[in-house]
Amino acid sequence: MLALLLAAELAAPPKPFVWNTYIPGRTVAYGVPDTNQRAVRIDCEAREGKLHLFIGGPASGEIGKVMALEITGRTGVKIFRSWIVPAADGPNFSFQIGGDEDLIQTLMAGGDVRITTQGSERVIPGAGAAEVLGPLLKACAGA
């Protein structure tokens, strides 16, 4: 019986990535809810009044290495300095920004954000982002 359940689970289609609240008032993510499978995680750093972003990084990244991320939003391209940090889902690019940055405002407006580094490109969809980002920004600003 256990083998049948396991086989059924393995045969199930992968769960889709969606914008979701990970920790209310503190963390949102674009990924599979209630898992560490995510493309981006955004934390409220209330003490600093900033948002801390974690974006899925290279499969094997040198932890602590500084890398440039080219991020394209509504107003064009901006370069962010990021660090490769360990995370539950593997190495992540990590950096802090304000809630007024184009990257966040593009997502709030439902627009997609393109992230490029070392010739690798990924797109973070904006559809559904405002529903979880809006409350996070409000909570973070009031903290």
N, C-alpha and C. Protein backbone atom coordinates (compact mmCIF):
# COMPACT_ATOMS: atom_id res chain seq x y z
N MET A 1 0.82 -1.20 0.00
CA MET A 1 0.00 0.00 0.00
C MET A 1 0.86 1.26 0.00
N LEU A 2 1.91 1.27 0.85
CA LEU A 2 2.80 2.41 0.92
C LEU A 2 3.48 2.65 -0.43
N ALA A 3 3.84 1.57 -1.10
CA ALA A 3 4.48 1.70 -2.41
C ALA A 3 3.53 2.35 -3.41
N LEU A 4 2.23 2.02 -3.35
CA LEU A 4 1.25 2.64 -4.25
C LEU A 4 1.10 4.14 -3.97
N LEU A 5 1.07 4.51 -2.69
CA LEU A 5 0.97 5.92 -2.33
C LEU A 5 2.19 6.70 -2.79
N LEU A 6 3.37 6.12 -2.58
CA LEU A 6 4.60 6.76 -3.00
C LEU A 6 4.65 6.91 -4.52
N ALA A 7 4.26 5.86 -5.24
CA ALA A 7 4.24 5.91 -6.71
C ALA A 7 3.27 6.98 -7.20
N ALA A 8 2.11 7.09 -6.55
CA ALA A 8 1.13 8.11 -6.94
C ALA A 8 1.67 9.51 -6.70
N GLU A 9 2.37 9.69 -5.58
CA GLU A 9 2.93 11.00 -5.29
C GLU A 9 4.02 11.37 -6.28
N LEU A 10 4.87 10.42 -6.63
CA LEU A 10 5.94 10.66 -7.58
C LEU A 10 5.39 10.95 -8.98
N ALA A 11 4.25 10.36 -9.32
CA ALA A 11 3.65 10.55 -10.64
C ALA A 11 2.83 11.84 -10.72
N ALA A 12 2.53 12.44 -9.58
CA ALA A 12 1.72 13.67 -9.57
C ALA A 12 2.48 14.80 -10.24
N PRO A 13 1.77 15.66 -10.96
CA PRO A 13 2.45 16.79 -11.59
C PRO A 13 3.02 17.72 -10.53
N PRO A 14 4.11 18.42 -10.84
CA PRO A 14 4.70 19.33 -9.85
C PRO A 14 3.71 20.45 -9.51
N LYS A 15 3.76 20.89 -8.26
CA LYS A 15 2.89 21.98 -7.83
C LYS A 15 3.41 23.29 -8.42
N PRO A 16 2.49 24.16 -8.82
CA PRO A 16 2.92 25.42 -9.46
C PRO A 16 3.45 26.43 -8.45
N PHE A 17 4.34 27.29 -8.94
CA PHE A 17 4.82 28.42 -8.15
C PHE A 17 3.74 29.49 -8.16
N VAL A 18 3.47 30.06 -7.00
CA VAL A 18 2.52 31.17 -6.86
C VAL A 18 3.06 32.13 -5.81
N TRP A 19 2.58 33.36 -5.83
CA TRP A 19 2.91 34.30 -4.76
C TRP A 19 2.15 33.88 -3.53
N ASN A 20 2.83 33.80 -2.38
CA ASN A 20 2.18 33.38 -1.15
C ASN A 20 2.83 34.03 0.06
N THR A 21 2.04 34.11 1.14
CA THR A 21 2.56 34.62 2.40
C THR A 21 3.19 33.45 3.14
N TYR A 22 4.44 33.59 3.46
CA TYR A 22 5.19 32.53 4.13
C TYR A 22 5.07 32.72 5.65
N ILE A 23 5.36 33.93 6.13
CA ILE A 23 5.16 34.31 7.53
C ILE A 23 4.44 35.65 7.51
N PRO A 24 3.16 35.70 7.94
CA PRO A 24 2.39 36.95 7.85
C PRO A 24 3.11 38.15 8.47
N GLY A 25 3.15 39.24 7.70
CA GLY A 25 3.79 40.47 8.15
C GLY A 25 5.31 40.45 8.13
N ARG A 26 5.88 39.31 7.71
CA ARG A 26 7.33 39.21 7.75
C ARG A 26 7.97 38.66 6.47
N THR A 27 7.33 37.67 5.83
CA THR A 27 7.95 37.02 4.67
C THR A 27 6.90 36.62 3.64
N VAL A 28 7.20 36.93 2.37
CA VAL A 28 6.40 36.43 1.25
C VAL A 28 7.35 35.72 0.29
N ALA A 29 6.77 34.90 -0.57
CA ALA A 29 7.60 34.15 -1.51
C ALA A 29 6.85 33.90 -2.80
N TYR A 30 7.62 33.72 -3.87
CA TYR A 30 7.08 33.22 -5.12
C TYR A 30 7.62 31.81 -5.23
N GLY A 31 6.75 30.83 -4.97
CA GLY A 31 7.17 29.44 -4.97
C GLY A 31 6.00 28.54 -4.63
N VAL A 32 6.30 27.33 -4.21
CA VAL A 32 5.28 26.38 -3.80
C VAL A 32 4.98 26.65 -2.32
N PRO A 33 3.73 27.01 -1.98
CA PRO A 33 3.41 27.32 -0.58
C PRO A 33 3.79 26.19 0.37
N ASP A 34 4.22 26.59 1.55
CA ASP A 34 4.56 25.67 2.64
C ASP A 34 5.73 24.73 2.31
N THR A 35 6.60 25.18 1.40
CA THR A 35 7.80 24.40 1.07
C THR A 35 8.97 25.37 0.95
N ASN A 36 10.15 24.81 0.74
CA ASN A 36 11.33 25.63 0.45
C ASN A 36 11.58 25.74 -1.05
N GLN A 37 10.63 25.28 -1.86
CA GLN A 37 10.76 25.41 -3.32
C GLN A 37 10.28 26.80 -3.70
N ARG A 38 11.22 27.68 -4.02
CA ARG A 38 10.84 29.05 -4.35
C ARG A 38 11.86 29.67 -5.27
N ALA A 39 11.39 30.66 -6.03
CA ALA A 39 12.27 31.42 -6.91
C ALA A 39 12.76 32.68 -6.21
N VAL A 40 11.89 33.24 -5.35
CA VAL A 40 12.27 34.45 -4.61
C VAL A 40 11.56 34.46 -3.26
N ARG A 41 12.26 34.96 -2.26
CA ARG A 41 11.68 35.17 -0.93
C ARG A 41 11.99 36.62 -0.56
N ILE A 42 11.01 37.31 0.01
CA ILE A 42 11.18 38.71 0.42
C ILE A 42 10.82 38.81 1.89
N ASP A 43 11.80 39.24 2.70
CA ASP A 43 11.61 39.40 4.14
C ASP A 43 11.56 40.88 4.49
N CYS A 44 10.78 41.21 5.50
CA CYS A 44 10.77 42.55 6.06
C CYS A 44 11.87 42.64 7.11
N GLU A 45 12.79 43.55 6.91
CA GLU A 45 13.84 43.81 7.91
C GLU A 45 13.42 45.07 8.66
N ALA A 46 12.50 44.90 9.62
CA ALA A 46 11.87 46.04 10.29
C ALA A 46 12.87 46.95 10.98
N ARG A 47 13.90 46.39 11.58
CA ARG A 47 14.88 47.22 12.28
C ARG A 47 15.59 48.18 11.32
N GLU A 48 15.71 47.77 10.09
CA GLU A 48 16.44 48.56 9.11
C GLU A 48 15.52 49.28 8.12
N GLY A 49 14.21 49.00 8.18
CA GLY A 49 13.29 49.61 7.23
C GLY A 49 13.53 49.19 5.80
N LYS A 50 14.06 48.01 5.61
CA LYS A 50 14.40 47.49 4.28
C LYS A 50 13.73 46.16 4.02
N LEU A 51 13.73 45.77 2.76
CA LEU A 51 13.31 44.43 2.36
C LEU A 51 14.56 43.63 2.04
N HIS A 52 14.60 42.41 2.49
CA HIS A 52 15.73 41.53 2.25
C HIS A 52 15.27 40.48 1.25
N LEU A 53 15.89 40.45 0.07
CA LEU A 53 15.50 39.52 -0.97
C LEU A 53 16.46 38.35 -1.04
N PHE A 54 15.88 37.17 -1.29
CA PHE A 54 16.64 35.95 -1.52
C PHE A 54 16.14 35.39 -2.85
N ILE A 55 17.02 35.29 -3.82
CA ILE A 55 16.66 34.81 -5.15
C ILE A 55 17.48 33.56 -5.43
N GLY A 56 16.81 32.49 -5.86
CA GLY A 56 17.51 31.25 -6.16
C GLY A 56 18.78 31.52 -6.95
N GLY A 57 19.89 31.03 -6.43
CA GLY A 57 21.20 31.30 -7.02
C GLY A 57 21.72 30.15 -7.85
N PRO A 58 23.02 30.16 -8.06
CA PRO A 58 23.63 29.10 -8.86
C PRO A 58 23.54 27.76 -8.15
N ALA A 59 23.56 26.68 -8.91
CA ALA A 59 23.44 25.33 -8.34
C ALA A 59 24.55 25.07 -7.32
N SER A 60 25.71 25.55 -7.60
CA SER A 60 26.82 25.42 -6.64
C SER A 60 27.53 26.77 -6.61
N GLY A 61 27.20 27.55 -5.61
CA GLY A 61 27.79 28.88 -5.53
C GLY A 61 28.76 28.98 -4.38
N GLU A 62 29.76 29.81 -4.56
CA GLU A 62 30.74 30.05 -3.52
C GLU A 62 30.11 30.97 -2.47
N ILE A 63 29.76 30.41 -1.32
CA ILE A 63 29.10 31.15 -0.26
C ILE A 63 29.96 32.37 0.12
N GLY A 64 29.31 33.52 0.20
CA GLY A 64 30.00 34.75 0.55
C GLY A 64 30.48 35.56 -0.64
N LYS A 65 30.49 34.94 -1.82
CA LYS A 65 30.95 35.64 -3.02
C LYS A 65 29.98 36.77 -3.37
N VAL A 66 30.52 37.91 -3.77
CA VAL A 66 29.71 39.05 -4.19
C VAL A 66 29.50 38.97 -5.69
N MET A 67 28.25 39.16 -6.12
CA MET A 67 27.93 39.09 -7.55
C MET A 67 27.00 40.21 -7.92
N ALA A 68 27.07 40.63 -9.16
CA ALA A 68 26.17 41.66 -9.67
C ALA A 68 24.94 40.99 -10.28
N LEU A 69 23.77 41.51 -9.92
CA LEU A 69 22.52 41.07 -10.53
C LEU A 69 21.98 42.22 -11.35
N GLU A 70 21.65 41.96 -12.59
CA GLU A 70 21.02 42.95 -13.46
C GLU A 70 19.52 42.69 -13.41
N ILE A 71 18.77 43.66 -12.88
CA ILE A 71 17.34 43.48 -12.70
C ILE A 71 16.59 44.51 -13.54
N THR A 72 15.69 44.01 -14.38
CA THR A 72 14.93 44.86 -15.28
C THR A 72 13.48 44.90 -14.83
N GLY A 73 13.01 46.11 -14.58
CA GLY A 73 11.63 46.34 -14.19
C GLY A 73 10.99 47.34 -15.14
N ARG A 74 9.98 48.06 -14.66
CA ARG A 74 9.24 49.02 -15.50
C ARG A 74 10.10 50.16 -16.01
N THR A 75 11.05 50.62 -15.18
CA THR A 75 11.82 51.80 -15.57
C THR A 75 13.17 51.49 -16.19
N GLY A 76 13.44 50.21 -16.43
CA GLY A 76 14.70 49.85 -17.07
C GLY A 76 15.55 48.93 -16.21
N VAL A 77 16.85 48.96 -16.47
CA VAL A 77 17.80 48.04 -15.84
C VAL A 77 18.50 48.73 -14.67
N LYS A 78 18.65 47.98 -13.59
CA LYS A 78 19.41 48.45 -12.44
C LYS A 78 20.31 47.31 -11.98
N ILE A 79 21.53 47.63 -11.59
CA ILE A 79 22.48 46.63 -11.11
C ILE A 79 22.46 46.63 -9.58
N PHE A 80 22.31 45.44 -9.00
CA PHE A 80 22.33 45.28 -7.55
C PHE A 80 23.52 44.42 -7.16
N ARG A 81 24.17 44.80 -6.10
CA ARG A 81 25.27 44.01 -5.54
C ARG A 81 24.65 42.98 -4.59
N SER A 82 24.91 41.70 -4.83
CA SER A 82 24.33 40.64 -4.01
C SER A 82 25.43 39.71 -3.51
N TRP A 83 25.07 38.95 -2.49
CA TRP A 83 25.97 37.97 -1.92
C TRP A 83 25.35 36.60 -2.10
N ILE A 84 26.18 35.59 -2.30
CA ILE A 84 25.67 34.22 -2.33
C ILE A 84 25.64 33.73 -0.89
N VAL A 85 24.45 33.30 -0.45
CA VAL A 85 24.26 32.84 0.93
C VAL A 85 23.62 31.45 0.91
N PRO A 86 23.86 30.66 1.96
CA PRO A 86 23.20 29.35 2.02
C PRO A 86 21.73 29.52 2.38
N ALA A 87 20.89 28.67 1.85
CA ALA A 87 19.46 28.68 2.17
C ALA A 87 18.95 27.24 2.08
N ALA A 88 17.77 27.02 2.62
CA ALA A 88 17.21 25.67 2.63
C ALA A 88 17.03 25.10 1.22
N ASP A 89 16.82 25.99 0.24
CA ASP A 89 16.62 25.54 -1.14
C ASP A 89 17.90 25.61 -1.97
N GLY A 90 19.06 25.75 -1.32
CA GLY A 90 20.33 25.84 -2.02
C GLY A 90 20.88 27.25 -1.97
N PRO A 91 22.00 27.51 -2.63
CA PRO A 91 22.59 28.85 -2.61
C PRO A 91 21.60 29.88 -3.19
N ASN A 92 21.55 31.04 -2.54
CA ASN A 92 20.68 32.13 -2.98
C ASN A 92 21.49 33.40 -3.14
N PHE A 93 21.05 34.26 -4.06
CA PHE A 93 21.56 35.63 -4.13
C PHE A 93 20.79 36.42 -3.07
N SER A 94 21.48 37.25 -2.31
CA SER A 94 20.84 37.99 -1.23
C SER A 94 21.25 39.46 -1.30
N PHE A 95 20.25 40.35 -1.14
CA PHE A 95 20.53 41.78 -1.08
C PHE A 95 19.34 42.49 -0.45
N GLN A 96 19.56 43.74 -0.03
CA GLN A 96 18.50 44.54 0.60
C GLN A 96 18.15 45.72 -0.28
N ILE A 97 16.85 46.08 -0.25
CA ILE A 97 16.37 47.24 -0.99
C ILE A 97 15.24 47.90 -0.21
N GLY A 98 14.86 49.08 -0.64
CA GLY A 98 13.71 49.75 -0.07
C GLY A 98 12.44 49.35 -0.81
N GLY A 99 11.31 49.53 -0.17
CA GLY A 99 10.03 49.19 -0.78
C GLY A 99 9.67 50.05 -1.98
N ASP A 100 10.39 51.17 -2.13
CA ASP A 100 10.10 52.06 -3.25
C ASP A 100 10.93 51.74 -4.50
N GLU A 101 11.80 50.73 -4.42
CA GLU A 101 12.62 50.34 -5.58
C GLU A 101 11.75 49.87 -6.74
N ASP A 102 12.22 50.10 -7.95
CA ASP A 102 11.48 49.72 -9.15
C ASP A 102 11.14 48.23 -9.18
N LEU A 103 12.03 47.39 -8.70
CA LEU A 103 11.78 45.94 -8.68
C LEU A 103 10.47 45.66 -7.93
N ILE A 104 10.31 46.22 -6.74
CA ILE A 104 9.12 46.01 -5.92
C ILE A 104 7.90 46.68 -6.55
N GLN A 105 8.08 47.90 -7.03
CA GLN A 105 6.96 48.63 -7.62
C GLN A 105 6.48 47.97 -8.92
N THR A 106 7.39 47.36 -9.67
CA THR A 106 7.01 46.62 -10.88
C THR A 106 6.13 45.43 -10.50
N LEU A 107 6.57 44.67 -9.49
CA LEU A 107 5.78 43.52 -9.03
C LEU A 107 4.43 43.98 -8.48
N MET A 108 4.40 45.08 -7.73
CA MET A 108 3.15 45.60 -7.17
C MET A 108 2.17 45.98 -8.27
N ALA A 109 2.69 46.42 -9.40
CA ALA A 109 1.85 46.81 -10.53
C ALA A 109 1.47 45.61 -11.40
N GLY A 110 1.92 44.42 -11.01
CA GLY A 110 1.59 43.21 -11.78
C GLY A 110 2.54 42.94 -12.93
N GLY A 111 3.63 43.70 -13.00
CA GLY A 111 4.61 43.50 -14.07
C GLY A 111 5.65 42.46 -13.71
N ASP A 112 6.20 41.83 -14.72
CA ASP A 112 7.26 40.84 -14.52
C ASP A 112 8.60 41.54 -14.34
N VAL A 113 9.48 40.89 -13.58
CA VAL A 113 10.84 41.39 -13.34
C VAL A 113 11.81 40.36 -13.92
N ARG A 114 12.78 40.84 -14.69
CA ARG A 114 13.78 39.95 -15.29
C ARG A 114 15.09 40.10 -14.52
N ILE A 115 15.67 38.97 -14.13
CA ILE A 115 16.92 38.95 -13.37
C ILE A 115 17.97 38.23 -14.20
N THR A 116 19.10 38.89 -14.41
CA THR A 116 20.16 38.33 -15.23
C THR A 116 21.48 38.38 -14.47
N THR A 117 22.22 37.27 -14.51
CA THR A 117 23.57 37.24 -13.96
C THR A 117 24.36 36.17 -14.69
N GLN A 118 25.57 36.51 -15.04
CA GLN A 118 26.48 35.59 -15.74
C GLN A 118 25.82 34.85 -16.89
N GLY A 119 25.02 35.57 -17.68
CA GLY A 119 24.38 34.99 -18.85
C GLY A 119 23.15 34.16 -18.56
N SER A 120 22.81 33.99 -17.29
CA SER A 120 21.62 33.25 -16.91
C SER A 120 20.50 34.24 -16.64
N GLU A 121 19.30 33.93 -17.14
CA GLU A 121 18.17 34.84 -16.97
C GLU A 121 16.97 34.09 -16.42
N ARG A 122 16.26 34.75 -15.53
CA ARG A 122 15.00 34.20 -15.03
C ARG A 122 14.00 35.35 -14.92
N VAL A 123 12.74 35.00 -14.97
CA VAL A 123 11.67 35.99 -14.88
C VAL A 123 10.82 35.67 -13.66
N ILE A 124 10.58 36.70 -12.86
CA ILE A 124 9.69 36.57 -11.71
C ILE A 124 8.38 37.24 -12.12
N PRO A 125 7.30 36.48 -12.25
CA PRO A 125 6.03 37.05 -12.68
C PRO A 125 5.42 37.96 -11.62
N GLY A 126 4.79 39.02 -12.09
CA GLY A 126 4.15 39.97 -11.19
C GLY A 126 2.70 39.63 -10.89
N ALA A 127 2.10 38.76 -11.68
CA ALA A 127 0.69 38.41 -11.46
C ALA A 127 0.50 37.83 -10.07
N GLY A 128 -0.35 38.44 -9.27
CA GLY A 128 -0.64 37.98 -7.91
C GLY A 128 0.30 38.51 -6.84
N ALA A 129 1.36 39.20 -7.23
CA ALA A 129 2.34 39.68 -6.26
C ALA A 129 1.76 40.72 -5.30
N ALA A 130 0.96 41.64 -5.82
CA ALA A 130 0.44 42.74 -4.99
C ALA A 130 -0.39 42.23 -3.82
N GLU A 131 -1.08 41.12 -4.00
CA GLU A 131 -1.92 40.57 -2.92
C GLU A 131 -1.13 40.23 -1.67
N VAL A 132 0.11 39.78 -1.84
CA VAL A 132 0.93 39.43 -0.68
C VAL A 132 1.97 40.50 -0.35
N LEU A 133 2.46 41.19 -1.39
CA LEU A 133 3.46 42.24 -1.16
C LEU A 133 2.85 43.47 -0.48
N GLY A 134 1.62 43.83 -0.85
CA GLY A 134 0.98 45.01 -0.26
C GLY A 134 0.92 44.92 1.26
N PRO A 135 0.36 43.84 1.82
CA PRO A 135 0.34 43.71 3.28
C PRO A 135 1.74 43.66 3.91
N LEU A 136 2.70 43.04 3.22
CA LEU A 136 4.07 43.00 3.75
C LEU A 136 4.66 44.39 3.81
N LEU A 137 4.51 45.17 2.74
CA LEU A 137 5.02 46.54 2.73
C LEU A 137 4.38 47.38 3.82
N LYS A 138 3.07 47.23 3.99
CA LYS A 138 2.37 47.98 5.04
C LYS A 138 2.86 47.60 6.42
N ALA A 139 3.00 46.30 6.68
CA ALA A 139 3.48 45.82 7.98
C ALA A 139 4.91 46.28 8.23
N CYS A 140 5.73 46.23 7.19
CA CYS A 140 7.13 46.59 7.32
C CYS A 140 7.27 48.09 7.59
N ALA A 141 6.46 48.90 6.95
CA ALA A 141 6.53 50.35 7.14
C ALA A 141 6.06 50.76 8.53
N GLY A 142 5.13 49.99 9.10
CA GLY A 142 4.59 50.32 10.40
C GLY A 142 5.40 49.75 11.56
N ALA A 143 6.40 48.94 11.23
CA ALA A 143 7.18 48.28 12.29
C ALA A 143 8.16 49.22 12.94
